[in-house]
Full PDB file with SEQRES, HELIX, SHEET, SSBOND, CRYST1, ORIGX, SCALE, CONECT and MASTER records, all heavy atoms in Angstrom:
SEQRES   1 A   43  GLY LEU GLU ASP PHE ARG GLY VAL VAL LEU THR GLU THR          
SEQRES   2 A   43  ILE GLN TYR LEU THR VAL GLN GLN VAL ASP LEU SER TYR          
SEQRES   3 A   43  ALA ARG PHE VAL GLU THR ALA THR LEU ASN THR SER LYS          
SEQRES   4 A   43  LEU THR ASN CYS                                              
SHEET    1 AA1 2 GLU A   3  ASP A   4  0                                        
SHEET    2 AA1 2 VAL A  22  ASP A  23  1                                        
SHEET    1 AA2 2 VAL A   9  LEU A  10  0                                        
SHEET    2 AA2 2 ARG A  28  PHE A  29  1                                        
SHEET    1 AA3 2 ILE A  14  GLN A  15  0                                        
SHEET    2 AA3 2 LEU A  35  ASN A  36  1                                        
SHEET    1 AA4 2 THR A  18  GLN A  20  0                                        
SHEET    2 AA4 2 LYS A  39  THR A  41  1                                        
CRYST1    1.000    1.000    1.000  90.00  90.00  90.00 P 1           1          
ORIGX1      1.000000  0.000000  0.000000        0.00000                         
ORIGX2      0.000000  1.000000  0.000000        0.00000                         
ORIGX3      0.000000  0.000000  1.000000        0.00000                         
SCALE1      1.000000  0.000000  0.000000        0.00000                         
SCALE2      0.000000  1.000000  0.000000        0.00000                         
SCALE3      0.000000  0.000000  1.000000        0.00000                         
ATOM      1  N   GLY A   1      91.010  88.073  90.821  1.00  0.00           N  
ATOM      2  CA  GLY A   1      92.466  88.039  90.608  1.00  0.00           C  
ATOM      3  C   GLY A   1      93.259  88.863  91.582  1.00  0.00           C  
ATOM      4  O   GLY A   1      94.445  89.162  91.340  1.00  0.00           O  
ATOM      5  N   LEU A   2      92.647  89.231  92.726  1.00  0.00           N  
ATOM      6  CA  LEU A   2      93.362  90.011  93.736  1.00  0.00           C  
ATOM      7  C   LEU A   2      93.889  89.095  94.829  1.00  0.00           C  
ATOM      8  O   LEU A   2      93.276  88.072  95.180  1.00  0.00           O  
ATOM      9  CB  LEU A   2      92.440  91.057  94.360  1.00  0.00           C  
ATOM     10  CG  LEU A   2      91.716  92.019  93.421  1.00  0.00           C  
ATOM     11  CD1 LEU A   2      90.911  93.037  94.225  1.00  0.00           C  
ATOM     12  CD2 LEU A   2      92.696  92.729  92.513  1.00  0.00           C  
ATOM     13  N   GLU A   3      95.074  89.429  95.370  1.00  0.00           N  
ATOM     14  CA  GLU A   3      95.612  88.667  96.487  1.00  0.00           C  
ATOM     15  C   GLU A   3      94.649  88.707  97.641  1.00  0.00           C  
ATOM     16  O   GLU A   3      94.225  89.796  98.088  1.00  0.00           O  
ATOM     17  CB  GLU A   3      96.977  89.221  96.874  1.00  0.00           C  
ATOM     18  CG  GLU A   3      97.878  88.261  97.593  1.00  0.00           C  
ATOM     19  CD  GLU A   3      98.342  87.112  96.717  1.00  0.00           C  
ATOM     20  OE1 GLU A   3      98.457  87.263  95.489  1.00  0.00           O  
ATOM     21  OE2 GLU A   3      98.597  86.025  97.280  1.00  0.00           O  
ATOM     22  N   ASP A   4      94.243  87.559  98.166  1.00  0.00           N  
ATOM     23  CA  ASP A   4      93.090  87.461  99.060  1.00  0.00           C  
ATOM     24  C   ASP A   4      93.460  87.619 100.543  1.00  0.00           C  
ATOM     25  O   ASP A   4      93.774  86.652 101.223  1.00  0.00           O  
ATOM     26  CB  ASP A   4      92.385  86.128  98.830  1.00  0.00           C  
ATOM     27  CG  ASP A   4      91.039  86.056  99.541  1.00  0.00           C  
ATOM     28  OD1 ASP A   4      90.677  87.022 100.227  1.00  0.00           O  
ATOM     29  OD2 ASP A   4      90.345  85.029  99.380  1.00  0.00           O  
ATOM     30  N   PHE A   5      93.396  88.852 101.008  1.00  0.00           N  
ATOM     31  CA  PHE A   5      93.609  89.133 102.424  1.00  0.00           C  
ATOM     32  C   PHE A   5      92.309  89.615 103.081  1.00  0.00           C  
ATOM     33  O   PHE A   5      92.339  90.298 104.106  1.00  0.00           O  
ATOM     34  CB  PHE A   5      94.707  90.195 102.617  1.00  0.00           C  
ATOM     35  CG  PHE A   5      96.099  89.631 102.499  1.00  0.00           C  
ATOM     36  CD1 PHE A   5      96.729  89.584 101.261  1.00  0.00           C  
ATOM     37  CD2 PHE A   5      96.773  89.129 103.598  1.00  0.00           C  
ATOM     38  CE1 PHE A   5      98.016  89.067 101.136  1.00  0.00           C  
ATOM     39  CE2 PHE A   5      98.028  88.604 103.483  1.00  0.00           C  
ATOM     40  CZ  PHE A   5      98.660  88.577 102.254  1.00  0.00           C  
ATOM     41  N   ARG A   6      91.189  89.253 102.529  1.00  0.00           N  
ATOM     42  CA  ARG A   6      89.905  89.669 103.097  1.00  0.00           C  
ATOM     43  C   ARG A   6      89.739  89.130 104.514  1.00  0.00           C  
ATOM     44  O   ARG A   6      89.961  87.967 104.771  1.00  0.00           O  
ATOM     45  CB  ARG A   6      88.768  89.167 102.215  1.00  0.00           C  
ATOM     46  CG  ARG A   6      88.706  89.806 100.835  1.00  0.00           C  
ATOM     47  CD  ARG A   6      87.635  89.165  99.967  1.00  0.00           C  
ATOM     48  NE  ARG A   6      87.963  87.774  99.708  1.00  0.00           N  
ATOM     49  CZ  ARG A   6      87.134  86.902  99.111  1.00  0.00           C  
ATOM     50  NH1 ARG A   6      85.927  87.324  98.736  1.00  0.00           N  
ATOM     51  NH2 ARG A   6      87.507  85.651  98.907  1.00  0.00           N  
ATOM     52  N   GLY A   7      89.394  90.030 105.437  1.00  0.00           N  
ATOM     53  CA  GLY A   7      89.148  89.619 106.815  1.00  0.00           C  
ATOM     54  C   GLY A   7      90.375  89.497 107.692  1.00  0.00           C  
ATOM     55  O   GLY A   7      90.244  89.152 108.885  1.00  0.00           O  
ATOM     56  N   VAL A   8      91.557  89.769 107.167  1.00  0.00           N  
ATOM     57  CA  VAL A   8      92.767  89.615 107.976  1.00  0.00           C  
ATOM     58  C   VAL A   8      92.863  90.665 109.086  1.00  0.00           C  
ATOM     59  O   VAL A   8      92.292  91.750 108.973  1.00  0.00           O  
ATOM     60  CB  VAL A   8      94.029  89.704 107.060  1.00  0.00           C  
ATOM     61  CG1 VAL A   8      94.234  91.144 106.579  1.00  0.00           C  
ATOM     62  CG2 VAL A   8      95.273  89.182 107.758  1.00  0.00           C  
ATOM     63  N   VAL A   9      93.582  90.345 110.135  1.00  0.00           N  
ATOM     64  CA  VAL A   9      93.888  91.323 111.187  1.00  0.00           C  
ATOM     65  C   VAL A   9      95.313  91.800 110.972  1.00  0.00           C  
ATOM     66  O   VAL A   9      96.263  90.990 110.927  1.00  0.00           O  
ATOM     67  CB  VAL A   9      93.781  90.688 112.603  1.00  0.00           C  
ATOM     68  CG1 VAL A   9      94.210  91.701 113.673  1.00  0.00           C  
ATOM     69  CG2 VAL A   9      92.356  90.225 112.854  1.00  0.00           C  
ATOM     70  N   LEU A  10      95.481  93.118 110.780  1.00  0.00           N  
ATOM     71  CA  LEU A  10      96.814  93.674 110.570  1.00  0.00           C  
ATOM     72  C   LEU A  10      97.254  94.480 111.780  1.00  0.00           C  
ATOM     73  O   LEU A  10      96.553  95.407 112.218  1.00  0.00           O  
ATOM     74  CB  LEU A  10      96.828  94.569 109.327  1.00  0.00           C  
ATOM     75  CG  LEU A  10      96.671  93.867 107.969  1.00  0.00           C  
ATOM     76  CD1 LEU A  10      96.725  94.901 106.846  1.00  0.00           C  
ATOM     77  CD2 LEU A  10      97.739  92.801 107.785  1.00  0.00           C  
ATOM     78  N   THR A  11      98.407  94.120 112.317  1.00  0.00           N  
ATOM     79  CA  THR A  11      99.023  94.880 113.394  1.00  0.00           C  
ATOM     80  C   THR A  11     100.170  95.745 112.865  1.00  0.00           C  
ATOM     81  O   THR A  11     100.721  96.573 113.595  1.00  0.00           O  
ATOM     82  CB  THR A  11      99.554  93.948 114.502  1.00  0.00           C  
ATOM     83  OG1 THR A  11     100.498  93.027 113.935  1.00  0.00           O  
ATOM     84  CG2 THR A  11      98.411  93.163 115.133  1.00  0.00           C  
ATOM     85  N   GLU A  12     100.546  95.501 111.605  1.00  0.00           N  
ATOM     86  CA  GLU A  12     101.643  96.224 110.979  1.00  0.00           C  
ATOM     87  C   GLU A  12     101.098  97.278 110.018  1.00  0.00           C  
ATOM     88  O   GLU A  12     100.133  97.050 109.289  1.00  0.00           O  
ATOM     89  CB  GLU A  12     102.569  95.294 110.205  1.00  0.00           C  
ATOM     90  CG  GLU A  12     103.283  94.274 111.067  1.00  0.00           C  
ATOM     91  CD  GLU A  12     104.339  94.917 111.953  1.00  0.00           C  
ATOM     92  OE1 GLU A  12     104.869  95.974 111.573  1.00  0.00           O  
ATOM     93  OE2 GLU A  12     104.631  94.331 113.018  1.00  0.00           O  
ATOM     94  N   THR A  13     101.733  98.466 110.005  1.00  0.00           N  
ATOM     95  CA  THR A  13     101.355  99.526 109.092  1.00  0.00           C  
ATOM     96  C   THR A  13     101.848  99.211 107.666  1.00  0.00           C  
ATOM     97  O   THR A  13     102.970  98.746 107.495  1.00  0.00           O  
ATOM     98  CB  THR A  13     101.933 100.871 109.569  1.00  0.00           C  
ATOM     99  OG1 THR A  13     101.237 101.283 110.750  1.00  0.00           O  
ATOM    100  CG2 THR A  13     101.814 101.967 108.509  1.00  0.00           C  
ATOM    101  N   ILE A  14     101.008  99.506 106.689  1.00  0.00           N  
ATOM    102  CA  ILE A  14     101.434  99.430 105.302  1.00  0.00           C  
ATOM    103  C   ILE A  14     102.053 100.793 104.977  1.00  0.00           C  
ATOM    104  O   ILE A  14     101.364 101.791 104.805  1.00  0.00           O  
ATOM    105  CB  ILE A  14     100.234  99.156 104.375  1.00  0.00           C  
ATOM    106  CG1 ILE A  14      99.631  97.778 104.710  1.00  0.00           C  
ATOM    107  CG2 ILE A  14     100.654  99.208 102.903  1.00  0.00           C  
ATOM    108  CD1 ILE A  14      98.353  97.451 103.945  1.00  0.00           C  
ATOM    109  N   GLN A  15     103.374 100.851 104.934  1.00  0.00           N  
ATOM    110  CA  GLN A  15     104.097 102.116 104.830  1.00  0.00           C  
ATOM    111  C   GLN A  15     105.281 102.012 103.857  1.00  0.00           C  
ATOM    112  O   GLN A  15     106.027 101.035 103.872  1.00  0.00           O  
ATOM    113  CB  GLN A  15     104.607 102.552 106.214  1.00  0.00           C  
ATOM    114  CG  GLN A  15     105.208 103.941 106.231  1.00  0.00           C  
ATOM    115  CD  GLN A  15     105.648 104.333 107.633  1.00  0.00           C  
ATOM    116  OE1 GLN A  15     106.180 103.509 108.395  1.00  0.00           O  
ATOM    117  NE2 GLN A  15     105.430 105.585 107.982  1.00  0.00           N  
ATOM    118  N   TYR A  16     105.434 103.065 103.024  1.00  0.00           N  
ATOM    119  CA  TYR A  16     106.504 103.118 102.029  1.00  0.00           C  
ATOM    120  C   TYR A  16     106.529 101.887 101.127  1.00  0.00           C  
ATOM    121  O   TYR A  16     107.572 101.361 100.793  1.00  0.00           O  
ATOM    122  CB  TYR A  16     107.873 103.279 102.725  1.00  0.00           C  
ATOM    123  CG  TYR A  16     107.991 104.532 103.553  1.00  0.00           C  
ATOM    124  CD1 TYR A  16     108.226 104.450 104.917  1.00  0.00           C  
ATOM    125  CD2 TYR A  16     107.883 105.794 102.988  1.00  0.00           C  
ATOM    126  CE1 TYR A  16     108.342 105.596 105.697  1.00  0.00           C  
ATOM    127  CE2 TYR A  16     107.993 106.939 103.739  1.00  0.00           C  
ATOM    128  CZ  TYR A  16     108.218 106.838 105.092  1.00  0.00           C  
ATOM    129  OH  TYR A  16     108.294 107.987 105.857  1.00  0.00           O  
ATOM    130  N   LEU A  17     105.316 101.439 100.763  1.00  0.00           N  
ATOM    131  CA  LEU A  17     105.205 100.284  99.863  1.00  0.00           C  
ATOM    132  C   LEU A  17     104.443 100.656  98.596  1.00  0.00           C  
ATOM    133  O   LEU A  17     103.606 101.535  98.591  1.00  0.00           O  
ATOM    134  CB  LEU A  17     104.477  99.151 100.568  1.00  0.00           C  
ATOM    135  CG  LEU A  17     105.234  98.340 101.636  1.00  0.00           C  
ATOM    136  CD1 LEU A  17     104.276  97.332 102.286  1.00  0.00           C  
ATOM    137  CD2 LEU A  17     106.421  97.649 101.018  1.00  0.00           C  
ATOM    138  N   THR A  18     104.736  99.944  97.524  1.00  0.00           N  
ATOM    139  CA  THR A  18     103.941  99.985  96.311  1.00  0.00           C  
ATOM    140  C   THR A  18     103.135  98.698  96.261  1.00  0.00           C  
ATOM    141  O   THR A  18     103.720  97.599  96.201  1.00  0.00           O  
ATOM    142  CB  THR A  18     104.806 100.127  95.065  1.00  0.00           C  
ATOM    143  OG1 THR A  18     105.525 101.373  95.128  1.00  0.00           O  
ATOM    144  CG2 THR A  18     103.965 100.099  93.798  1.00  0.00           C  
ATOM    145  N   VAL A  19     101.815  98.808  96.369  1.00  0.00           N  
ATOM    146  CA  VAL A  19     100.951  97.640  96.497  1.00  0.00           C  
ATOM    147  C   VAL A  19      99.962  97.595  95.336  1.00  0.00           C  
ATOM    148  O   VAL A  19      99.317  98.603  95.028  1.00  0.00           O  
ATOM    149  CB  VAL A  19     100.164  97.676  97.840  1.00  0.00           C  
ATOM    150  CG1 VAL A  19      99.312  96.424  97.994  1.00  0.00           C  
ATOM    151  CG2 VAL A  19     101.132  97.827  99.018  1.00  0.00           C  
ATOM    152  N   GLN A  20      99.846  96.463  94.689  1.00  0.00           N  
ATOM    153  CA  GLN A  20      98.950  96.300  93.570  1.00  0.00           C  
ATOM    154  C   GLN A  20      98.146  95.009  93.712  1.00  0.00           C  
ATOM    155  O   GLN A  20      98.637  94.004  94.204  1.00  0.00           O  
ATOM    156  CB  GLN A  20      99.726  96.261  92.244  1.00  0.00           C  
ATOM    157  CG  GLN A  20     100.480  97.538  91.941  1.00  0.00           C  
ATOM    158  CD  GLN A  20     101.224  97.456  90.606  1.00  0.00           C  
ATOM    159  OE1 GLN A  20     101.396  96.371  90.045  1.00  0.00           O  
ATOM    160  NE2 GLN A  20     101.681  98.574  90.104  1.00  0.00           N  
ATOM    161  N   GLN A  21      96.890  95.067  93.293  1.00  0.00           N  
ATOM    162  CA  GLN A  21      96.044  93.863  93.165  1.00  0.00           C  
ATOM    163  C   GLN A  21      95.919  93.086  94.481  1.00  0.00           C  
ATOM    164  O   GLN A  21      96.135  91.878  94.534  1.00  0.00           O  
ATOM    165  CB  GLN A  21      96.641  92.934  92.094  1.00  0.00           C  
ATOM    166  CG  GLN A  21      96.792  93.542  90.702  1.00  0.00           C  
ATOM    167  CD  GLN A  21      95.478  93.659  89.967  1.00  0.00           C  
ATOM    168  OE1 GLN A  21      94.992  94.749  89.692  1.00  0.00           O  
ATOM    169  NE2 GLN A  21      94.893  92.532  89.607  1.00  0.00           N  
ATOM    170  N   VAL A  22      95.545  93.811  95.543  1.00  0.00           N  
ATOM    171  CA  VAL A  22      95.351  93.166  96.847  1.00  0.00           C  
ATOM    172  C   VAL A  22      93.946  93.481  97.360  1.00  0.00           C  
ATOM    173  O   VAL A  22      93.485  94.639  97.281  1.00  0.00           O  
ATOM    174  CB  VAL A  22      96.388  93.663  97.885  1.00  0.00           C  
ATOM    175  CG1 VAL A  22      96.092  93.083  99.265  1.00  0.00           C  
ATOM    176  CG2 VAL A  22      97.793  93.239  97.422  1.00  0.00           C  
ATOM    177  N   ASP A  23      93.244  92.466  97.854  1.00  0.00           N  
ATOM    178  CA  ASP A  23      91.910  92.660  98.423  1.00  0.00           C  
ATOM    179  C   ASP A  23      92.003  92.573  99.947  1.00  0.00           C  
ATOM    180  O   ASP A  23      92.258  91.508 100.507  1.00  0.00           O  
ATOM    181  CB  ASP A  23      90.942  91.589  97.914  1.00  0.00           C  
ATOM    182  CG  ASP A  23      89.492  91.934  98.201  1.00  0.00           C  
ATOM    183  OD1 ASP A  23      89.248  92.733  99.137  1.00  0.00           O  
ATOM    184  OD2 ASP A  23      88.610  91.415  97.491  1.00  0.00           O  
ATOM    185  N   LEU A  24      91.789  93.707 100.591  1.00  0.00           N  
ATOM    186  CA  LEU A  24      91.830  93.791 102.056  1.00  0.00           C  
ATOM    187  C   LEU A  24      90.422  94.109 102.601  1.00  0.00           C  
ATOM    188  O   LEU A  24      90.294  94.677 103.696  1.00  0.00           O  
ATOM    189  CB  LEU A  24      92.815  94.848 102.515  1.00  0.00           C  
ATOM    190  CG  LEU A  24      94.289  94.427 102.446  1.00  0.00           C  
ATOM    191  CD1 LEU A  24      95.204  95.630 102.307  1.00  0.00           C  
ATOM    192  CD2 LEU A  24      94.665  93.610 103.665  1.00  0.00           C  
ATOM    193  N   SER A  25      89.385  93.732 101.878  1.00  0.00           N  
ATOM    194  CA  SER A  25      88.042  93.952 102.355  1.00  0.00           C  
ATOM    195  C   SER A  25      87.842  93.338 103.744  1.00  0.00           C  
ATOM    196  O   SER A  25      88.295  92.232 104.030  1.00  0.00           O  
ATOM    197  CB  SER A  25      87.038  93.322 101.373  1.00  0.00           C  
ATOM    198  OG  SER A  25      87.093  93.925 100.122  1.00  0.00           O  
ATOM    199  N   TYR A  26      87.176  94.116 104.595  1.00  0.00           N  
ATOM    200  CA  TYR A  26      86.858  93.706 105.985  1.00  0.00           C  
ATOM    201  C   TYR A  26      88.089  93.437 106.809  1.00  0.00           C  
ATOM    202  O   TYR A  26      88.025  92.828 107.899  1.00  0.00           O  
ATOM    203  CB  TYR A  26      85.941  92.477 105.986  1.00  0.00           C  
ATOM    204  CG  TYR A  26      84.729  92.646 105.110  1.00  0.00           C  
ATOM    205  CD1 TYR A  26      84.532  91.838 103.978  1.00  0.00           C  
ATOM    206  CD2 TYR A  26      83.808  93.645 105.380  1.00  0.00           C  
ATOM    207  CE1 TYR A  26      83.429  92.009 103.171  1.00  0.00           C  
ATOM    208  CE2 TYR A  26      82.695  93.825 104.570  1.00  0.00           C  
ATOM    209  CZ  TYR A  26      82.512  93.021 103.466  1.00  0.00           C  
ATOM    210  OH  TYR A  26      81.431  93.199 102.645  1.00  0.00           O  
ATOM    211  N   ALA A  27      89.256  93.862 106.342  1.00  0.00           N  
ATOM    212  CA  ALA A  27      90.457  93.750 107.176  1.00  0.00           C  
ATOM    213  C   ALA A  27      90.314  94.627 108.414  1.00  0.00           C  
ATOM    214  O   ALA A  27      89.673  95.680 108.384  1.00  0.00           O  
ATOM    215  CB  ALA A  27      91.693  94.141 106.384  1.00  0.00           C  
ATOM    216  N   ARG A  28      90.922  94.191 109.494  1.00  0.00           N  
ATOM    217  CA  ARG A  28      90.890  94.978 110.732  1.00  0.00           C  
ATOM    218  C   ARG A  28      92.301  95.494 111.028  1.00  0.00           C  
ATOM    219  O   ARG A  28      93.234  94.704 111.224  1.00  0.00           O  
ATOM    220  CB  ARG A  28      90.378  94.095 111.877  1.00  0.00           C  
ATOM    221  CG  ARG A  28      88.897  93.784 111.746  1.00  0.00           C  
ATOM    222  CD  ARG A  28      88.490  92.670 112.711  1.00  0.00           C  
ATOM    223  NE  ARG A  28      89.045  91.377 112.308  1.00  0.00           N  
ATOM    224  CZ  ARG A  28      89.060  90.311 113.091  1.00  0.00           C  
ATOM    225  NH1 ARG A  28      88.543  90.364 114.318  1.00  0.00           N  
ATOM    226  NH2 ARG A  28      89.564  89.173 112.661  1.00  0.00           N  
ATOM    227  N   PHE A  29      92.418  96.793 111.024  1.00  0.00           N  
ATOM    228  CA  PHE A  29      93.693  97.448 111.342  1.00  0.00           C  
ATOM    229  C   PHE A  29      93.678  97.742 112.834  1.00  0.00           C  
ATOM    230  O   PHE A  29      92.916  98.567 113.299  1.00  0.00           O  
ATOM    231  CB  PHE A  29      93.837  98.741 110.533  1.00  0.00           C  
ATOM    232  CG  PHE A  29      94.089  98.524 109.064  1.00  0.00           C  
ATOM    233  CD1 PHE A  29      93.070  98.092 108.223  1.00  0.00           C  
ATOM    234  CD2 PHE A  29      95.355  98.748 108.507  1.00  0.00           C  
ATOM    235  CE1 PHE A  29      93.297  97.878 106.864  1.00  0.00           C  
ATOM    236  CE2 PHE A  29      95.593  98.543 107.167  1.00  0.00           C  
ATOM    237  CZ  PHE A  29      94.558  98.105 106.347  1.00  0.00           C  
ATOM    238  N   VAL A  30      94.529  97.040 113.574  1.00  0.00           N  
ATOM    239  CA  VAL A  30      94.531  97.174 115.029  1.00  0.00           C  
ATOM    240  C   VAL A  30      95.855  97.752 115.521  1.00  0.00           C  
ATOM    241  O   VAL A  30      96.816  97.889 114.769  1.00  0.00           O  
ATOM    242  CB  VAL A  30      94.238  95.817 115.703  1.00  0.00           C  
ATOM    243  CG1 VAL A  30      92.884  95.282 115.286  1.00  0.00           C  
ATOM    244  CG2 VAL A  30      95.301  94.782 115.369  1.00  0.00           C  
ATOM    245  N   GLU A  31      95.892  98.036 116.818  1.00  0.00           N  
ATOM    246  CA  GLU A  31      97.034  98.693 117.429  1.00  0.00           C  
ATOM    247  C   GLU A  31      97.351  99.957 116.665  1.00  0.00           C  
ATOM    248  O   GLU A  31      96.501 100.826 116.542  1.00  0.00           O  
ATOM    249  CB  GLU A  31      98.203  97.708 117.524  1.00  0.00           C  
ATOM    250  CG  GLU A  31      97.892  96.477 118.379  1.00  0.00           C  
ATOM    251  CD  GLU A  31      98.996  95.461 118.420  1.00  0.00           C  
ATOM    252  OE1 GLU A  31     100.121  95.775 117.969  1.00  0.00           O  
ATOM    253  OE2 GLU A  31      98.757  94.332 118.869  1.00  0.00           O  
ATOM    254  N   THR A  32      98.556 100.094 116.116  1.00  0.00           N  
ATOM    255  CA  THR A  32      98.918 101.337 115.416  1.00  0.00           C  
ATOM    256  C   THR A  32      98.925 101.171 113.886  1.00  0.00           C  
ATOM    257  O   THR A  32      99.422 102.039 113.175  1.00  0.00           O  
ATOM    258  CB  THR A  32     100.299 101.831 115.846  1.00  0.00           C  
ATOM    259  OG1 THR A  32     101.271 100.803 115.566  1.00  0.00           O  
ATOM    260  CG2 THR A  32     100.316 102.131 117.339  1.00  0.00           C  
ATOM    261  N   ALA A  33      98.347 100.114 113.375  1.00  0.00           N  
ATOM    262  CA  ALA A  33      98.371  99.838 111.933  1.00  0.00           C  
ATOM    263  C   ALA A  33      97.569 100.868 111.156  1.00  0.00           C  
ATOM    264  O   ALA A  33      96.466 101.260 111.550  1.00  0.00           O  
ATOM    265  CB  ALA A  33      97.830  98.442 111.674  1.00  0.00           C  
ATOM    266  N   THR A  34      98.139 101.342 110.029  1.00  0.00           N  
ATOM    267  CA  THR A  34      97.486 102.311 109.167  1.00  0.00           C  
ATOM    268  C   THR A  34      97.871 102.049 107.703  1.00  0.00           C  
ATOM    269  O   THR A  34      98.653 101.158 107.413  1.00  0.00           O  
ATOM    270  CB  THR A  34      97.916 103.767 109.513  1.00  0.00           C  
ATOM    271  OG1 THR A  34      99.327 103.903 109.246  1.00  0.00           O  
ATOM    272  CG2 THR A  34      97.651 104.117 110.955  1.00  0.00           C  
ATOM    273  N   LEU A  35      97.283 102.868 106.819  1.00  0.00           N  
ATOM    274  CA  LEU A  35      97.722 102.908 105.405  1.00  0.00           C  
ATOM    275  C   LEU A  35      98.483 104.214 105.266  1.00  0.00           C  
ATOM    276  O   LEU A  35      97.893 105.286 105.092  1.00  0.00           O  
ATOM    277  CB  LEU A  35      96.506 102.918 104.474  1.00  0.00           C  
ATOM    278  CG  LEU A  35      95.722 101.614 104.303  1.00  0.00           C  
ATOM    279  CD1 LEU A  35      94.473 101.876 103.453  1.00  0.00           C  
ATOM    280  CD2 LEU A  35      96.590 100.560 103.639  1.00  0.00           C  
ATOM    281  N   ASN A  36      99.778 104.145 105.297  1.00  0.00           N  
ATOM    282  CA  ASN A  36     100.568 105.371 105.445  1.00  0.00           C  
ATOM    283  C   ASN A  36     101.693 105.475 104.413  1.00  0.00           C  
ATOM    284  O   ASN A  36     102.544 104.594 104.305  1.00  0.00           O  
ATOM    285  CB  ASN A  36     101.169 105.432 106.864  1.00  0.00           C  
ATOM    286  CG  ASN A  36     101.632 106.802 107.255  1.00  0.00           C  
ATOM    287  OD1 ASN A  36     101.631 107.721 106.437  1.00  0.00           O  
ATOM    288  ND2 ASN A  36     102.024 106.947 108.498  1.00  0.00           N  
ATOM    289  N   THR A  37     101.649 106.587 103.639  1.00  0.00           N  
ATOM    290  CA  THR A  37     102.744 106.925 102.727  1.00  0.00           C  
ATOM    291  C   THR A  37     103.062 105.768 101.778  1.00  0.00           C  
ATOM    292  O   THR A  37     104.224 105.376 101.614  1.00  0.00           O  
ATOM    293  CB  THR A  37     104.013 107.317 103.509  1.00  0.00           C  
ATOM    294  OG1 THR A  37     103.649 108.021 104.685  1.00  0.00           O  
ATOM    295  CG2 THR A  37     104.904 108.223 102.670  1.00  0.00           C  
ATOM    296  N   SER A  38     102.025 105.228 101.133  1.00  0.00           N  
ATOM    297  CA  SER A  38     102.226 104.156 100.181  1.00  0.00           C  
ATOM    298  C   SER A  38     101.499 104.461  98.875  1.00  0.00           C  
ATOM    299  O   SER A  38     100.648 105.361  98.820  1.00  0.00           O  
ATOM    300  CB  SER A  38     101.709 102.833 100.755  1.00  0.00           C  
ATOM    301  OG  SER A  38     102.535 102.391 101.802  1.00  0.00           O  
ATOM    302  N   LYS A  39     101.813 103.707  97.832  1.00  0.00           N  
ATOM    303  CA  LYS A  39     101.166 103.850  96.541  1.00  0.00           C  
ATOM    304  C   LYS A  39     100.382 102.554  96.301  1.00  0.00           C  
ATOM    305  O   LYS A  39     100.976 101.480  96.195  1.00  0.00           O  
ATOM    306  CB  LYS A  39     102.189 104.088  95.432  1.00  0.00           C  
ATOM    307  CG  LYS A  39     101.558 104.319  94.073  1.00  0.00           C  
ATOM    308  CD  LYS A  39     102.625 104.650  93.036  1.00  0.00           C  
ATOM    309  CE  LYS A  39     102.006 104.928  91.672  1.00  0.00           C  
ATOM    310  NZ  LYS A  39     103.034 105.296  90.656  1.00  0.00           N  
ATOM    311  N   LEU A  40      99.066 102.674  96.205  1.00  0.00           N  
ATOM    312  CA  LEU A  40      98.219 101.501  96.085  1.00  0.00           C  
ATOM    313  C   LEU A  40      97.385 101.588  94.815  1.00  0.00           C  
ATOM    314  O   LEU A  40      96.744 102.599  94.544  1.00  0.00           O  
ATOM    315  CB  LEU A  40      97.315 101.370  97.303  1.00  0.00           C  
ATOM    316  CG  LEU A  40      98.096 101.189  98.626  1.00  0.00           C  
ATOM    317  CD1 LEU A  40      98.062 102.477  99.423  1.00  0.00           C  
ATOM    318  CD2 LEU A  40      97.570 100.032  99.431  1.00  0.00           C  
ATOM    319  N   THR A  41      97.402 100.503  94.024  1.00  0.00           N  
ATOM    320  CA  THR A  41      96.710 100.471  92.756  1.00  0.00           C  
ATOM    321  C   THR A  41      95.877  99.197  92.650  1.00  0.00           C  
ATOM    322  O   THR A  41      96.347  98.113  93.003  1.00  0.00           O  
ATOM    323  CB  THR A  41      97.719 100.496  91.574  1.00  0.00           C  
ATOM    324  OG1 THR A  41      98.565 101.622  91.704  1.00  0.00           O  
ATOM    325  CG2 THR A  41      96.994 100.545  90.231  1.00  0.00           C  
ATOM    326  N   ASN A  42      94.635  99.353  92.184  1.00  0.00           N  
ATOM    327  CA  ASN A  42      93.722  98.204  92.008  1.00  0.00           C  
ATOM    328  C   ASN A  42      93.595  97.364  93.285  1.00  0.00           C  
ATOM    329  O   ASN A  42      93.688  96.149  93.248  1.00  0.00           O  
ATOM    330  CB  ASN A  42      94.203  97.313  90.847  1.00  0.00           C  
ATOM    331  CG  ASN A  42      94.193  98.035  89.527  1.00  0.00           C  
ATOM    332  OD1 ASN A  42      93.325  98.880  89.276  1.00  0.00           O  
ATOM    333  ND2 ASN A  42      95.150  97.695  88.672  1.00  0.00           N  
ATOM    334  N   CYS A  43      93.390  98.056  94.388  1.00  0.00           N  
ATOM    335  CA  CYS A  43      93.213  97.394  95.674  1.00  0.00           C  
ATOM    336  C   CYS A  43      91.797  97.603  96.210  1.00  0.00           C  
ATOM    337  O   CYS A  43      91.136  98.581  95.860  1.00  0.00           O  
ATOM    338  CB  CYS A  43      94.244  97.891  96.687  1.00  0.00           C  
ATOM    339  SG  CYS A  43      95.947  97.427  96.298  1.00  0.00           S  
TER     340      CYS A  43                                                      
MASTER        0    0    0    0    8    0    0    6  339    1    0    4          
END                                                                             
């Protein structure tokens, strides 16, 4: 039941977001993308 972003390539930073129920398994964070200053639940 998680939003399916498995394997995605992210060039954008996840920042100042509230994120719930997302699957980012095997995602590739490239360039300057990070997990920064966000609230993440059940991810």
